[in-house]
C-alpha atoms as a PDB file:
ATOM      1  CA  MET A   1      58.023  59.237  64.593  1.00  0.00           C
ATOM      2  CA  ARG A   2      58.981  56.081  66.497  1.00  0.00           C
ATOM      3  CA  SER A   3      55.537  54.604  65.982  1.00  0.00           C
ATOM      4  CA  LEU A   4      55.840  55.249  62.239  1.00  0.00           C
ATOM      5  CA  ILE A   5      59.166  53.391  62.171  1.00  0.00           C
ATOM      6  CA  TRP A   6      57.649  50.447  64.064  1.00  0.00           C
ATOM      7  CA  ILE A   7      54.707  50.363  61.651  1.00  0.00           C
ATOM      8  CA  PHE A   8      57.134  50.328  58.723  1.00  0.00           C
ATOM      9  CA  ARG A   9      59.101  47.479  60.360  1.00  0.00           C
ATOM     10  CA  ALA A  10      55.927  45.486  60.978  1.00  0.00           C
ATOM     11  CA  VAL A  11      54.771  45.926  57.376  1.00  0.00           C
ATOM     12  CA  ALA A  12      58.226  44.946  56.061  1.00  0.00           C
ATOM     13  CA  PHE A  13      58.256  41.885  58.317  1.00  0.00           C
ATOM     14  CA  VAL A  14      54.805  40.762  57.139  1.00  0.00           C
ATOM     15  CA  LEU A  15      55.770  41.268  53.481  1.00  0.00           C
ATOM     16  CA  LEU A  16      59.032  39.345  53.906  1.00  0.00           C
ATOM     17  CA  LEU A  17      57.259  36.569  55.820  1.00  0.00           C
ATOM     18  CA  GLY A  18      54.714  36.278  53.023  1.00  0.00           C
ATOM     19  CA  PHE A  19      57.543  36.199  50.491  1.00  0.00           C
ATOM     20  CA  ALA A  20      59.241  33.411  52.445  1.00  0.00           C
ATOM     21  CA  ILE A  21      56.031  31.397  52.677  1.00  0.00           C
ATOM     22  CA  LYS A  22      55.323  31.742  48.947  1.00  0.00           C
ATOM     23  CA  ASN A  23      58.905  30.657  48.078  1.00  0.00           C
ATOM     24  CA  SER A  24      59.129  27.630  50.321  1.00  0.00           C
ATOM     25  CA  GLY A  25      59.639  25.175  47.461  1.00  0.00           C
ATOM     26  CA  ILE A  26      62.631  22.871  47.673  1.00  0.00           C
ATOM     27  CA  VAL A  27      65.566  23.533  45.334  1.00  0.00           C
ATOM     28  CA  ASN A  28      68.516  21.285  44.673  1.00  0.00           C
ATOM     29  CA  LEU A  29      71.985  22.890  44.866  1.00  0.00           C
ATOM     30  CA  SER A  30      74.544  20.748  43.077  1.00  0.00           C
ATOM     31  CA  PHE A  31      78.233  21.121  43.854  1.00  0.00           C
ATOM     32  CA  PHE A  32      81.362  19.401  42.614  1.00  0.00           C
ATOM     33  CA  PHE A  33      82.088  15.709  43.290  1.00  0.00           C
ATOM     34  CA  GLY A  34      78.388  14.806  43.366  1.00  0.00           C
ATOM     35  CA  LEU A  35      77.677  16.821  46.514  1.00  0.00           C
ATOM     36  CA  SER A  36      74.202  18.355  46.591  1.00  0.00           C
ATOM     37  CA  TRP A  37      71.906  20.017  49.100  1.00  0.00           C
ATOM     38  CA  GLN A  38      68.152  20.282  49.097  1.00  0.00           C
ATOM     39  CA  LEU A  39      66.987  23.496  50.731  1.00  0.00           C
ATOM     40  CA  PRO A  40      63.930  25.741  50.597  1.00  0.00           C
ATOM     41  CA  LEU A  41      64.315  28.504  48.027  1.00  0.00           C
ATOM     42  CA  VAL A  42      63.984  31.249  50.631  1.00  0.00           C
ATOM     43  CA  PHE A  43      66.999  29.874  52.554  1.00  0.00           C
ATOM     44  CA  VAL A  44      69.080  29.792  49.383  1.00  0.00           C
ATOM     45  CA  MET A  45      68.126  33.393  48.607  1.00  0.00           C
ATOM     46  CA  LEU A  46      68.893  34.476  52.184  1.00  0.00           C
ATOM     47  CA  LEU A  47      72.230  32.663  52.104  1.00  0.00           C
ATOM     48  CA  PHE A  48      73.337  34.399  48.917  1.00  0.00           C
ATOM     49  CA  PHE A  49      72.065  37.770  50.157  1.00  0.00           C
ATOM     50  CA  VAL A  50      74.152  37.398  53.331  1.00  0.00           C
ATOM     51  CA  LEU A  51      77.212  36.262  51.349  1.00  0.00           C
ATOM     52  CA  GLY A  52      76.867  39.269  49.035  1.00  0.00           C
ATOM     53  CA  ALA A  53      76.558  41.621  52.002  1.00  0.00           C
ATOM     54  CA  VAL A  54      79.667  40.107  53.618  1.00  0.00           C
ATOM     55  CA  VAL A  55      81.667  40.485  50.396  1.00  0.00           C
ATOM     56  CA  GLY A  56      80.490  44.087  50.005  1.00  0.00           C
ATOM     57  CA  LEU A  57      81.305  44.959  53.614  1.00  0.00           C
ATOM     58  CA  THR A  58      84.733  43.361  53.297  1.00  0.00           C
ATOM     59  CA  GLY A  59      85.535  45.556  50.293  1.00  0.00           C
ATOM     60  CA  THR A  60      84.254  48.630  52.090  1.00  0.00           C
ATOM     61  CA  PHE A  61      86.199  47.746  55.235  1.00  0.00           C
ATOM     62  CA  ALA A  62      89.473  47.577  53.294  1.00  0.00           C
ATOM     63  CA  THR A  63      88.834  51.035  51.821  1.00  0.00           C
ATOM     64  CA  VAL A  64      87.948  52.511  55.218  1.00  0.00           C
ATOM     65  CA  LEU A  65      91.109  51.084  56.784  1.00  0.00           C
ATOM     66  CA  SER A  66      93.338  52.565  54.091  1.00  0.00           C
ATOM     67  CA  GLN A  67      91.618  55.955  54.452  1.00  0.00           C
ATOM     68  CA  ARG A  68      92.087  55.872  58.238  1.00  0.00           C
ATOM     69  CA  ARG A  69      95.787  55.107  57.808  1.00  0.00           C
ATOM     70  CA  GLU A  70      96.127  58.019  55.392  1.00  0.00           C
ATOM     71  CA  LEU A  71      94.275  60.366  57.736  1.00  0.00           C
ATOM     72  CA  ALA A  72      96.474  59.328  60.669  1.00  0.00           C
ATOM     73  CA  ARG A  73      99.563  59.881  58.535  1.00  0.00           C
ATOM     74  CA  LEU A  74      98.380  63.340  57.494  1.00  0.00           C
ATOM     75  CA  ARG A  75      97.420  64.310  61.053  1.00  0.00           C
ATOM     76  CA  ASP A  76     100.867  63.325  62.332  1.00  0.00           C
ATOM     77  CA  GLY A  77     102.480  65.603  59.762  1.00  0.00           C
ATOM     78  CA  ARG A  78     104.036  62.736  57.855  1.00  0.00           C
ATOM     79  CA  ASP A  79     102.555  63.671  54.514  1.00  0.00           C
ATOM     80  CA  GLY A  80     105.734  62.853  52.646  1.00  0.00           C
ATOM     81  CA  THR A  81     106.487  66.357  51.419  1.00  0.00           C
ATOM     82  CA  ALA A  82     109.844  67.959  52.101  1.00  0.00           C
ATOM     83  CA  SER A  83     109.723  71.340  53.818  1.00  0.00           C
END
């Protein structure tokens, strides 16, 4: 099973490397106040993928924290109901 996982990882790496090589063209990112960057397309795509993952994890993290607080409150017997 481990060898199958490593084969899958190797194939994914080769496919992603080929994708990066085929998308190595330079793109121009223009910002406000005349600021612009020239980067390879694959770096721009990776940057926005990472930013999207960070935003998604931040939203998930907030939900997990609120659920943990609620679970701790319920475990302590402070569920807010009068007995």
